[in-house]
Amino acid sequence: MDARRAEVRALEAEIAALQRACSELPAPWEGTARDRKSFQETYQSDTKKCESSKDLKSQLGHLKSELSFLSTLTGFNIRNYAKQTEDLTTTEMTEKGIKKVLQRHRLSGNCHMVTFQLEFQILEIQAKENLSSVITELNIIMEPTEYLELSEFVSRAEEKRDLFMFFRSLHFFVEWYKCRKRTFKHFKEKYPDTVHLPEGSCSSCMEIRSARRPGFELVIVWRIQIDEEGKVSPKLDLLTKVPQRALELDKNRVLETAPQSFRTLLEVLGIEAALESLIKITLCRE
């Protein structure tokens, strides 16, 4: 009898313990609401991250598109770029509200066939609401070095520390270079027996030879000039190579005045039409 009573008390104690444990558990609807809220917060956070990622990808795609457009428009392609910043502000400057920062930039790239490397420093000084910046140093390395017209220009750009002039002038230099190459190639293909390019497709001069008159030759020298202000312009000159006997027979000094007459022809007709006329004159005299 006592054993049964002890067993009953043990069971009652176990039941009471289970009831206490159940009372400490949240109600079913409370747990569902809490889980739903937690899930919703997680979903919103993931959605924001996803949207942020999409915005970043969209922005990156837009920037790449703009960069591609600018590269196509200007011909410039920047391959490598690095920047270092050094704070030169002293305690005395800080007290006066002045901030002084030195930026060191290094980049390399190309403008069509011309490769370049740039190293330059920019000093920024901010005094209250006024901000000023100046290029304190500029070093330019050009490759390849076969473009002799650029050598003097690069030295001037470094001396003036003028980055804008460098990029602008290099762009127009390349455009005129391509124009010269395209024009000479056109006439070489059109008059293969008369027109000769001694330096190949990248030649800076074009020879017009008479097949029936050996020794008679006209040479067009096409230079690309860059002035002190960075303005790029073509300069074409005519040189004549004729036998001494022909010079003696030239009583009207036609050969002597030919270079000046060619400059006048350039001003009136333009480059391509003037060259065409010169070639046709040579062919007619044959």
C-alpha atoms as a PDB file:
ATOM      1  CA  MET A   1       0.000   0.000   0.000  1.00  0.00           C
ATOM      2  CA  ASP A   2       2.778   2.420   0.893  1.00  0.00           C
ATOM      3  CA  ALA A   3       4.598   1.520  -2.293  1.00  0.00           C
ATOM      4  CA  ARG A   4       1.567   2.439  -4.384  1.00  0.00           C
ATOM      5  CA  ARG A   5       1.225   5.774  -2.628  1.00  0.00           C
ATOM      6  CA  ALA A   6       4.860   6.534  -3.264  1.00  0.00           C
ATOM      7  CA  GLU A   7       4.456   5.695  -6.948  1.00  0.00           C
ATOM      8  CA  VAL A   8       1.393   7.988  -7.191  1.00  0.00           C
ATOM      9  CA  ARG A   9       3.288  10.866  -5.556  1.00  0.00           C
ATOM     10  CA  ALA A  10       6.145  10.360  -7.993  1.00  0.00           C
ATOM     11  CA  LEU A  11       3.761  10.476 -10.919  1.00  0.00           C
ATOM     12  CA  GLU A  12       2.072  13.595  -9.561  1.00  0.00           C
ATOM     13  CA  ALA A  13       5.472  15.288  -9.189  1.00  0.00           C
ATOM     14  CA  GLU A  14       6.428  14.378 -12.756  1.00  0.00           C
ATOM     15  CA  ILE A  15       3.101  15.734 -14.056  1.00  0.00           C
ATOM     16  CA  ALA A  16       3.598  19.010 -12.142  1.00  0.00           C
ATOM     17  CA  ALA A  17       7.091  19.370 -13.599  1.00  0.00           C
ATOM     18  CA  LEU A  18       5.748  18.862 -17.135  1.00  0.00           C
ATOM     19  CA  GLN A  19       3.009  21.454 -16.518  1.00  0.00           C
ATOM     20  CA  ARG A  20       5.601  23.990 -15.392  1.00  0.00           C
ATOM     21  CA  ALA A  21       7.698  23.316 -18.456  1.00  0.00           C
ATOM     22  CA  CYS A  22       4.647  23.742 -20.712  1.00  0.00           C
ATOM     23  CA  SER A  23       3.702  27.017 -19.058  1.00  0.00           C
ATOM     24  CA  GLU A  24       7.128  28.450 -19.857  1.00  0.00           C
ATOM     25  CA  LEU A  25       6.740  27.694 -23.572  1.00  0.00           C
ATOM     26  CA  PRO A  26       5.252  30.462 -25.833  1.00  0.00           C
ATOM     27  CA  ALA A  27       1.754  30.012 -27.128  1.00  0.00           C
ATOM     28  CA  PRO A  28       1.549  28.517 -30.623  1.00  0.00           C
ATOM     29  CA  TRP A  29       0.271  31.756 -32.160  1.00  0.00           C
ATOM     30  CA  GLU A  30       2.986  33.784 -30.436  1.00  0.00           C
ATOM     31  CA  GLY A  31       5.702  31.576 -31.854  1.00  0.00           C
ATOM     32  CA  THR A  32       4.206  31.790 -35.339  1.00  0.00           C
ATOM     33  CA  ALA A  33       4.052  35.603 -35.211  1.00  0.00           C
ATOM     34  CA  ARG A  34       7.612  35.844 -33.957  1.00  0.00           C
ATOM     35  CA  ASP A  35       8.868  33.466 -36.653  1.00  0.00           C
ATOM     36  CA  ARG A  36       6.950  35.393 -39.302  1.00  0.00           C
ATOM     37  CA  LYS A  37       8.450  38.687 -38.123  1.00  0.00           C
ATOM     38  CA  SER A  38      11.946  37.213 -38.117  1.00  0.00           C
ATOM     39  CA  PHE A  39      11.452  35.801 -41.608  1.00  0.00           C
ATOM     40  CA  GLN A  40      10.083  39.129 -42.864  1.00  0.00           C
ATOM     41  CA  GLU A  41      13.054  41.038 -41.462  1.00  0.00           C
ATOM     42  CA  THR A  42      15.462  38.574 -43.048  1.00  0.00           C
ATOM     43  CA  TYR A  43      13.618  38.790 -46.381  1.00  0.00           C
ATOM     44  CA  GLN A  44      13.626  42.585 -46.357  1.00  0.00           C
ATOM     45  CA  SER A  45      17.332  42.636 -45.526  1.00  0.00           C
ATOM     46  CA  ASP A  46      18.128  40.198 -48.345  1.00  0.00           C
ATOM     47  CA  THR A  47      15.894  42.164 -50.724  1.00  0.00           C
ATOM     48  CA  LYS A  48      17.708  45.394 -49.892  1.00  0.00           C
ATOM     49  CA  LYS A  49      21.064  43.697 -50.396  1.00  0.00           C
ATOM     50  CA  CYS A  50      19.861  42.294 -53.722  1.00  0.00           C
ATOM     51  CA  GLU A  51      18.535  45.663 -54.841  1.00  0.00           C
ATOM     52  CA  SER A  52      21.768  47.330 -53.714  1.00  0.00           C
ATOM     53  CA  SER A  53      23.766  44.745 -55.665  1.00  0.00           C
ATOM     54  CA  LYS A  54      21.596  45.301 -58.740  1.00  0.00           C
ATOM     55  CA  ASP A  55      22.023  49.088 -58.435  1.00  0.00           C
ATOM     56  CA  LEU A  56      25.785  48.674 -58.129  1.00  0.00           C
ATOM     57  CA  LYS A  57      25.912  46.385 -61.175  1.00  0.00           C
ATOM     58  CA  SER A  58      23.734  48.812 -63.116  1.00  0.00           C
ATOM     59  CA  GLN A  59      25.936  51.744 -62.145  1.00  0.00           C
ATOM     60  CA  LEU A  60      29.090  49.810 -63.013  1.00  0.00           C
ATOM     61  CA  GLY A  61      27.617  48.860 -66.392  1.00  0.00           C
ATOM     62  CA  HIS A  62      26.700  52.494 -67.041  1.00  0.00           C
ATOM     63  CA  LEU A  63      30.222  53.667 -66.182  1.00  0.00           C
ATOM     64  CA  LYS A  64      31.760  51.019 -68.442  1.00  0.00           C
ATOM     65  CA  SER A  65      29.455  52.111 -71.254  1.00  0.00           C
ATOM     66  CA  GLU A  66      30.450  55.770 -70.783  1.00  0.00           C
ATOM     67  CA  LEU A  67      34.145  54.855 -70.650  1.00  0.00           C
ATOM     68  CA  SER A  68      33.821  52.829 -73.848  1.00  0.00           C
ATOM     69  CA  PHE A  69      32.063  55.742 -75.554  1.00  0.00           C
ATOM     70  CA  LEU A  70      34.755  58.220 -74.461  1.00  0.00           C
ATOM     71  CA  SER A  71      37.518  55.846 -75.587  1.00  0.00           C
ATOM     72  CA  THR A  72      35.875  55.532 -79.009  1.00  0.00           C
ATOM     73  CA  LEU A  73      35.321  59.280 -79.232  1.00  0.00           C
ATOM     74  CA  THR A  74      38.791  60.414 -78.141  1.00  0.00           C
ATOM     75  CA  GLY A  75      40.896  57.392 -79.027  1.00  0.00           C
ATOM     76  CA  PHE A  76      42.335  57.237 -75.500  1.00  0.00           C
ATOM     77  CA  ASN A  77      42.486  53.962 -73.605  1.00  0.00           C
ATOM     78  CA  ILE A  78      43.715  54.043 -69.987  1.00  0.00           C
ATOM     79  CA  ARG A  79      45.071  50.633 -68.989  1.00  0.00           C
ATOM     80  CA  ASN A  80      46.576  51.214 -65.553  1.00  0.00           C
ATOM     81  CA  TYR A  81      46.040  53.880 -62.915  1.00  0.00           C
ATOM     82  CA  ALA A  82      47.354  54.371 -59.374  1.00  0.00           C
ATOM     83  CA  LYS A  83      46.959  57.184 -56.849  1.00  0.00           C
ATOM     84  CA  GLN A  84      48.670  58.023 -53.563  1.00  0.00           C
ATOM     85  CA  THR A  85      47.571  60.767 -51.192  1.00  0.00           C
ATOM     86  CA  GLU A  86      49.726  62.488 -48.576  1.00  0.00           C
ATOM     87  CA  ASP A  87      48.376  64.952 -46.015  1.00  0.00           C
ATOM     88  CA  LEU A  88      50.847  67.857 -45.683  1.00  0.00           C
ATOM     89  CA  THR A  89      48.714  69.821 -43.236  1.00  0.00           C
ATOM     90  CA  THR A  90      50.649  71.134 -40.226  1.00  0.00           C
ATOM     91  CA  THR A  91      49.291  72.005 -36.791  1.00  0.00           C
ATOM     92  CA  GLU A  92      49.593  75.699 -37.580  1.00  0.00           C
ATOM     93  CA  MET A  93      47.607  75.218 -40.821  1.00  0.00           C
ATOM     94  CA  THR A  94      44.898  73.306 -38.972  1.00  0.00           C
ATOM     95  CA  GLU A  95      44.477  76.167 -36.523  1.00  0.00           C
ATOM     96  CA  LYS A  96      44.017  78.546 -39.461  1.00  0.00           C
ATOM     97  CA  GLY A  97      41.494  76.246 -41.159  1.00  0.00           C
ATOM     98  CA  ILE A  98      43.861  75.304 -43.994  1.00  0.00           C
ATOM     99  CA  LYS A  99      44.232  71.800 -45.385  1.00  0.00           C
ATOM    100  CA  LYS A 100      47.088  70.835 -47.707  1.00  0.00           C
ATOM    101  CA  VAL A 101      47.057  67.506 -49.609  1.00  0.00           C
ATOM    102  CA  LEU A 102      49.516  66.158 -52.185  1.00  0.00           C
ATOM    103  CA  GLN A 103      48.228  63.610 -54.705  1.00  0.00           C
ATOM    104  CA  ARG A 104      50.593  61.440 -56.713  1.00  0.00           C
ATOM    105  CA  HIS A 105      49.116  59.950 -59.878  1.00  0.00           C
ATOM    106  CA  ARG A 106      50.530  57.359 -62.241  1.00  0.00           C
ATOM    107  CA  LEU A 107      48.802  56.054 -65.353  1.00  0.00           C
ATOM    108  CA  SER A 108      49.571  54.368 -68.635  1.00  0.00           C
ATOM    109  CA  GLY A 109      47.567  53.998 -71.793  1.00  0.00           C
ATOM    110  CA  ASN A 110      47.499  54.688 -75.482  1.00  0.00           C
ATOM    111  CA  CYS A 111      45.900  56.924 -78.056  1.00  0.00           C
ATOM    112  CA  HIS A 112      45.499  54.562 -81.018  1.00  0.00           C
ATOM    113  CA  MET A 113      49.063  53.640 -82.012  1.00  0.00           C
ATOM    114  CA  VAL A 114      50.866  56.013 -79.582  1.00  0.00           C
ATOM    115  CA  THR A 115      51.592  54.590 -76.114  1.00  0.00           C
ATOM    116  CA  PHE A 116      52.308  56.841 -73.149  1.00  0.00           C
ATOM    117  CA  GLN A 117      53.050  56.812 -69.432  1.00  0.00           C
ATOM    118  CA  LEU A 118      52.300  59.734 -67.144  1.00  0.00           C
ATOM    119  CA  GLU A 119      53.440  60.594 -63.643  1.00  0.00           C
ATOM    120  CA  PHE A 120      52.208  63.819 -62.104  1.00  0.00           C
ATOM    121  CA  GLN A 121      51.580  65.450 -58.727  1.00  0.00           C
ATOM    122  CA  ILE A 122      48.652  67.649 -57.754  1.00  0.00           C
ATOM    123  CA  LEU A 123      48.826  69.923 -54.715  1.00  0.00           C
ATOM    124  CA  GLU A 124      45.421  70.775 -53.240  1.00  0.00           C
ATOM    125  CA  ILE A 125      45.037  73.618 -50.747  1.00  0.00           C
ATOM    126  CA  GLN A 126      41.708  74.169 -49.047  1.00  0.00           C
ATOM    127  CA  ALA A 127      41.266  77.340 -47.007  1.00  0.00           C
ATOM    128  CA  LYS A 128      37.779  77.419 -45.483  1.00  0.00           C
ATOM    129  CA  GLU A 129      35.423  77.277 -48.500  1.00  0.00           C
ATOM    130  CA  ASN A 130      38.073  77.951 -51.153  1.00  0.00           C
ATOM    131  CA  LEU A 131      39.803  75.034 -52.871  1.00  0.00           C
ATOM    132  CA  SER A 132      42.733  75.429 -55.256  1.00  0.00           C
ATOM    133  CA  SER A 133      44.830  72.809 -57.002  1.00  0.00           C
ATOM    134  CA  VAL A 134      47.978  72.965 -59.104  1.00  0.00           C
ATOM    135  CA  ILE A 135      50.107  70.400 -60.923  1.00  0.00           C
ATOM    136  CA  THR A 136      53.549  70.582 -59.342  1.00  0.00           C
ATOM    137  CA  GLU A 137      55.298  67.924 -61.409  1.00  0.00           C
ATOM    138  CA  LEU A 138      54.695  66.163 -64.738  1.00  0.00           C
ATOM    139  CA  ASN A 139      56.734  63.424 -66.397  1.00  0.00           C
ATOM    140  CA  ILE A 140      55.755  61.957 -69.772  1.00  0.00           C
ATOM    141  CA  ILE A 141      57.182  58.891 -71.471  1.00  0.00           C
ATOM    142  CA  MET A 142      56.114  58.270 -75.074  1.00  0.00           C
ATOM    143  CA  GLU A 143      56.375  55.009 -76.962  1.00  0.00           C
ATOM    144  CA  PRO A 144      57.354  54.346 -79.645  1.00  0.00           C
ATOM    145  CA  THR A 145      59.900  57.128 -80.173  1.00  0.00           C
ATOM    146  CA  GLU A 146      59.596  57.129 -83.982  1.00  0.00           C
ATOM    147  CA  TYR A 147      57.133  60.033 -83.926  1.00  0.00           C
ATOM    148  CA  LEU A 148      59.770  62.736 -83.957  1.00  0.00           C
ATOM    149  CA  GLU A 149      57.166  65.506 -84.135  1.00  0.00           C
ATOM    150  CA  LEU A 150      56.087  64.631 -80.603  1.00  0.00           C
ATOM    151  CA  SER A 151      59.493  64.927 -78.925  1.00  0.00           C
ATOM    152  CA  GLU A 152      59.603  68.712 -78.704  1.00  0.00           C
ATOM    153  CA  PHE A 153      55.914  68.888 -77.839  1.00  0.00           C
ATOM    154  CA  VAL A 154      56.343  66.483 -74.901  1.00  0.00           C
ATOM    155  CA  SER A 155      59.169  68.620 -73.517  1.00  0.00           C
ATOM    156  CA  ARG A 156      56.964  71.735 -73.688  1.00  0.00           C
ATOM    157  CA  ALA A 157      54.035  69.960 -72.015  1.00  0.00           C
ATOM    158  CA  GLU A 158      56.307  68.802 -69.170  1.00  0.00           C
ATOM    159  CA  GLU A 159      57.746  72.293 -68.778  1.00  0.00           C
ATOM    160  CA  LYS A 160      54.292  73.919 -68.663  1.00  0.00           C
ATOM    161  CA  ARG A 161      52.818  71.049 -66.589  1.00  0.00           C
ATOM    162  CA  ASP A 162      49.767  71.250 -68.844  1.00  0.00           C
ATOM    163  CA  LEU A 163      47.867  67.946 -68.847  1.00  0.00           C
ATOM    164  CA  PHE A 164      44.933  69.318 -70.829  1.00  0.00           C
ATOM    165  CA  MET A 165      47.220  70.500 -73.631  1.00  0.00           C
ATOM    166  CA  PHE A 166      48.954  67.115 -73.695  1.00  0.00           C
ATOM    167  CA  PHE A 167      45.761  65.091 -74.143  1.00  0.00           C
ATOM    168  CA  ARG A 168      44.160  67.544 -76.568  1.00  0.00           C
ATOM    169  CA  SER A 169      47.228  67.907 -78.778  1.00  0.00           C
ATOM    170  CA  LEU A 170      47.991  64.192 -78.764  1.00  0.00           C
ATOM    171  CA  HIS A 171      44.423  63.462 -79.891  1.00  0.00           C
ATOM    172  CA  PHE A 172      44.640  65.844 -82.871  1.00  0.00           C
ATOM    173  CA  PHE A 173      48.176  64.695 -83.712  1.00  0.00           C
ATOM    174  CA  VAL A 174      46.926  61.113 -84.018  1.00  0.00           C
ATOM    175  CA  GLU A 175      43.957  62.239 -86.132  1.00  0.00           C
ATOM    176  CA  TRP A 176      46.266  64.046 -88.596  1.00  0.00           C
ATOM    177  CA  TYR A 177      48.664  61.100 -88.566  1.00  0.00           C
ATOM    178  CA  LYS A 178      45.843  58.758 -89.589  1.00  0.00           C
ATOM    179  CA  CYS A 179      44.705  61.269 -92.216  1.00  0.00           C
ATOM    180  CA  ARG A 180      48.210  61.394 -93.740  1.00  0.00           C
ATOM    181  CA  LYS A 181      48.489  57.602 -93.768  1.00  0.00           C
ATOM    182  CA  ARG A 182      45.029  57.197 -95.290  1.00  0.00           C
ATOM    183  CA  THR A 183      45.654  59.839 -97.976  1.00  0.00           C
ATOM    184  CA  PHE A 184      49.022  58.477 -99.066  1.00  0.00           C
ATOM    185  CA  LYS A 185      47.625  54.946 -99.161  1.00  0.00           C
ATOM    186  CA  HIS A 186      44.748  56.121-101.351  1.00  0.00           C
ATOM    187  CA  PHE A 187      47.067  57.619-103.970  1.00  0.00           C
ATOM    188  CA  LYS A 188      49.470  54.679-103.837  1.00  0.00           C
ATOM    189  CA  GLU A 189      46.611  52.298-104.625  1.00  0.00           C
ATOM    190  CA  LYS A 190      45.171  54.591-107.300  1.00  0.00           C
ATOM    191  CA  TYR A 191      48.501  55.334-109.060  1.00  0.00           C
ATOM    192  CA  PRO A 192      50.772  52.386-108.142  1.00  0.00           C
ATOM    193  CA  ASP A 193      53.301  53.026-110.929  1.00  0.00           C
ATOM    194  CA  THR A 194      53.606  56.754-110.261  1.00  0.00           C
ATOM    195  CA  VAL A 195      53.309  57.138-106.489  1.00  0.00           C
ATOM    196  CA  HIS A 196      55.954  55.673-104.167  1.00  0.00           C
ATOM    197  CA  LEU A 197      56.133  55.665-100.363  1.00  0.00           C
ATOM    198  CA  PRO A 198      59.813  55.276 -99.383  1.00  0.00           C
ATOM    199  CA  GLU A 199      58.997  54.647 -95.692  1.00  0.00           C
ATOM    200  CA  GLY A 200      56.103  52.293 -96.308  1.00  0.00           C
ATOM    201  CA  SER A 201      52.514  52.825 -95.179  1.00  0.00           C
ATOM    202  CA  CYS A 202      53.595  55.139 -92.348  1.00  0.00           C
ATOM    203  CA  SER A 203      55.697  57.312 -94.626  1.00  0.00           C
ATOM    204  CA  SER A 204      55.847  61.060 -94.013  1.00  0.00           C
ATOM    205  CA  CYS A 205      56.666  61.762 -97.654  1.00  0.00           C
ATOM    206  CA  MET A 206      55.260  60.715-101.003  1.00  0.00           C
ATOM    207  CA  GLU A 207      57.290  60.533-104.216  1.00  0.00           C
ATOM    208  CA  ILE A 208      55.733  61.179-107.635  1.00  0.00           C
ATOM    209  CA  ARG A 209      57.914  59.753-110.377  1.00  0.00           C
ATOM    210  CA  SER A 210      57.637  60.077-114.126  1.00  0.00           C
ATOM    211  CA  ALA A 211      57.965  56.707-115.861  1.00  0.00           C
ATOM    212  CA  ARG A 212      58.931  58.284-119.192  1.00  0.00           C
ATOM    213  CA  ARG A 213      61.293  60.876-117.765  1.00  0.00           C
ATOM    214  CA  PRO A 214      63.916  59.196-115.566  1.00  0.00           C
ATOM    215  CA  GLY A 215      65.369  61.501-112.960  1.00  0.00           C
ATOM    216  CA  PHE A 216      62.271  63.714-112.828  1.00  0.00           C
ATOM    217  CA  GLU A 217      60.661  63.426-109.402  1.00  0.00           C
ATOM    218  CA  LEU A 218      58.346  65.441-107.157  1.00  0.00           C
ATOM    219  CA  VAL A 219      58.456  64.794-103.408  1.00  0.00           C
ATOM    220  CA  ILE A 220      55.636  65.761-101.056  1.00  0.00           C
ATOM    221  CA  VAL A 221      56.827  66.132 -97.455  1.00  0.00           C
ATOM    222  CA  TRP A 222      53.945  66.111 -94.994  1.00  0.00           C
ATOM    223  CA  ARG A 223      54.828  67.165 -91.462  1.00  0.00           C
ATOM    224  CA  ILE A 224      52.498  67.478 -88.476  1.00  0.00           C
ATOM    225  CA  GLN A 225      53.321  70.605 -86.503  1.00  0.00           C
ATOM    226  CA  ILE A 226      52.459  71.404 -82.872  1.00  0.00           C
ATOM    227  CA  ASP A 227      52.940  75.057 -81.939  1.00  0.00           C
ATOM    228  CA  GLU A 228      53.724  76.601 -78.544  1.00  0.00           C
ATOM    229  CA  GLU A 229      50.064  76.612 -77.541  1.00  0.00           C
ATOM    230  CA  GLY A 230      49.569  72.964 -78.522  1.00  0.00           C
ATOM    231  CA  LYS A 231      47.673  73.670 -81.755  1.00  0.00           C
ATOM    232  CA  VAL A 232      48.170  70.840 -84.272  1.00  0.00           C
ATOM    233  CA  SER A 233      48.232  71.508 -88.010  1.00  0.00           C
ATOM    234  CA  PRO A 234      49.549  69.813 -91.177  1.00  0.00           C
ATOM    235  CA  LYS A 235      52.414  71.350 -93.127  1.00  0.00           C
ATOM    236  CA  LEU A 236      53.001  70.122 -96.682  1.00  0.00           C
ATOM    237  CA  ASP A 237      55.994  71.119 -98.813  1.00  0.00           C
ATOM    238  CA  LEU A 238      56.935  70.264-102.391  1.00  0.00           C
ATOM    239  CA  LEU A 239      60.495  69.366-103.294  1.00  0.00           C
ATOM    240  CA  THR A 240      61.643  68.849-106.885  1.00  0.00           C
ATOM    241  CA  LYS A 241      64.288  66.457-108.128  1.00  0.00           C
ATOM    242  CA  VAL A 242      65.119  67.051-111.770  1.00  0.00           C
ATOM    243  CA  PRO A 243      68.240  66.672-113.936  1.00  0.00           C
ATOM    244  CA  GLN A 244      70.478  69.722-114.197  1.00  0.00           C
ATOM    245  CA  ARG A 245      69.770  69.880-117.916  1.00  0.00           C
ATOM    246  CA  ALA A 246      66.042  70.339-117.219  1.00  0.00           C
ATOM    247  CA  LEU A 247      66.790  73.237-114.872  1.00  0.00           C
ATOM    248  CA  GLU A 248      68.858  74.936-117.540  1.00  0.00           C
ATOM    249  CA  LEU A 249      66.037  74.607-120.078  1.00  0.00           C
ATOM    250  CA  ASP A 250      63.436  75.955-117.656  1.00  0.00           C
ATOM    251  CA  LYS A 251      63.474  79.585-118.850  1.00  0.00           C
ATOM    252  CA  ASN A 252      60.155  80.430-117.168  1.00  0.00           C
ATOM    253  CA  ARG A 253      61.427  79.206-113.771  1.00  0.00           C
ATOM    254  CA  VAL A 254      58.466  76.863-113.406  1.00  0.00           C
ATOM    255  CA  LEU A 255      60.434  74.353-111.339  1.00  0.00           C
ATOM    256  CA  GLU A 256      61.892  77.074-109.130  1.00  0.00           C
ATOM    257  CA  THR A 257      58.479  78.496-108.267  1.00  0.00           C
ATOM    258  CA  ALA A 258      56.785  75.080-107.995  1.00  0.00           C
ATOM    259  CA  PRO A 259      56.940  74.903-104.133  1.00  0.00           C
ATOM    260  CA  GLN A 260      55.205  78.273-103.751  1.00  0.00           C
ATOM    261  CA  SER A 261      52.653  77.387-106.442  1.00  0.00           C
ATOM    262  CA  PHE A 262      51.916  74.147-104.568  1.00  0.00           C
ATOM    263  CA  ARG A 263      51.210  76.070-101.322  1.00  0.00           C
ATOM    264  CA  THR A 264      48.758  78.262-103.205  1.00  0.00           C
ATOM    265  CA  LEU A 265      47.142  75.164-104.666  1.00  0.00           C
ATOM    266  CA  LEU A 266      46.734  73.745-101.150  1.00  0.00           C
ATOM    267  CA  GLU A 267      44.980  76.873 -99.934  1.00  0.00           C
ATOM    268  CA  VAL A 268      42.567  76.821-102.865  1.00  0.00           C
ATOM    269  CA  LEU A 269      41.816  73.105-103.297  1.00  0.00           C
ATOM    270  CA  GLY A 270      42.751  71.445-100.020  1.00  0.00           C
ATOM    271  CA  ILE A 271      45.196  68.619 -99.457  1.00  0.00           C
ATOM    272  CA  GLU A 272      43.677  65.702-101.361  1.00  0.00           C
ATOM    273  CA  ALA A 273      42.576  67.698-104.416  1.00  0.00           C
ATOM    274  CA  ALA A 274      45.957  69.464-104.610  1.00  0.00           C
ATOM    275  CA  LEU A 275      47.838  66.151-104.556  1.00  0.00           C
ATOM    276  CA  GLU A 276      45.496  64.719-107.181  1.00  0.00           C
ATOM    277  CA  SER A 277      46.162  67.710-109.461  1.00  0.00           C
ATOM    278  CA  LEU A 278      49.913  67.379-109.019  1.00  0.00           C
ATOM    279  CA  ILE A 279      49.857  63.690-109.923  1.00  0.00           C
ATOM    280  CA  LYS A 280      47.684  64.309-112.980  1.00  0.00           C
ATOM    281  CA  ILE A 281      50.003  67.078-114.181  1.00  0.00           C
ATOM    282  CA  THR A 282      52.925  64.658-113.945  1.00  0.00           C
ATOM    283  CA  LEU A 283      51.011  62.009-115.890  1.00  0.00           C
ATOM    284  CA  CYS A 284      50.000  64.486-118.592  1.00  0.00           C
ATOM    285  CA  ARG A 285      53.596  65.491-119.173  1.00  0.00           C
ATOM    286  CA  GLU A 286      54.478  61.903-119.853  1.00  0.00           C
END
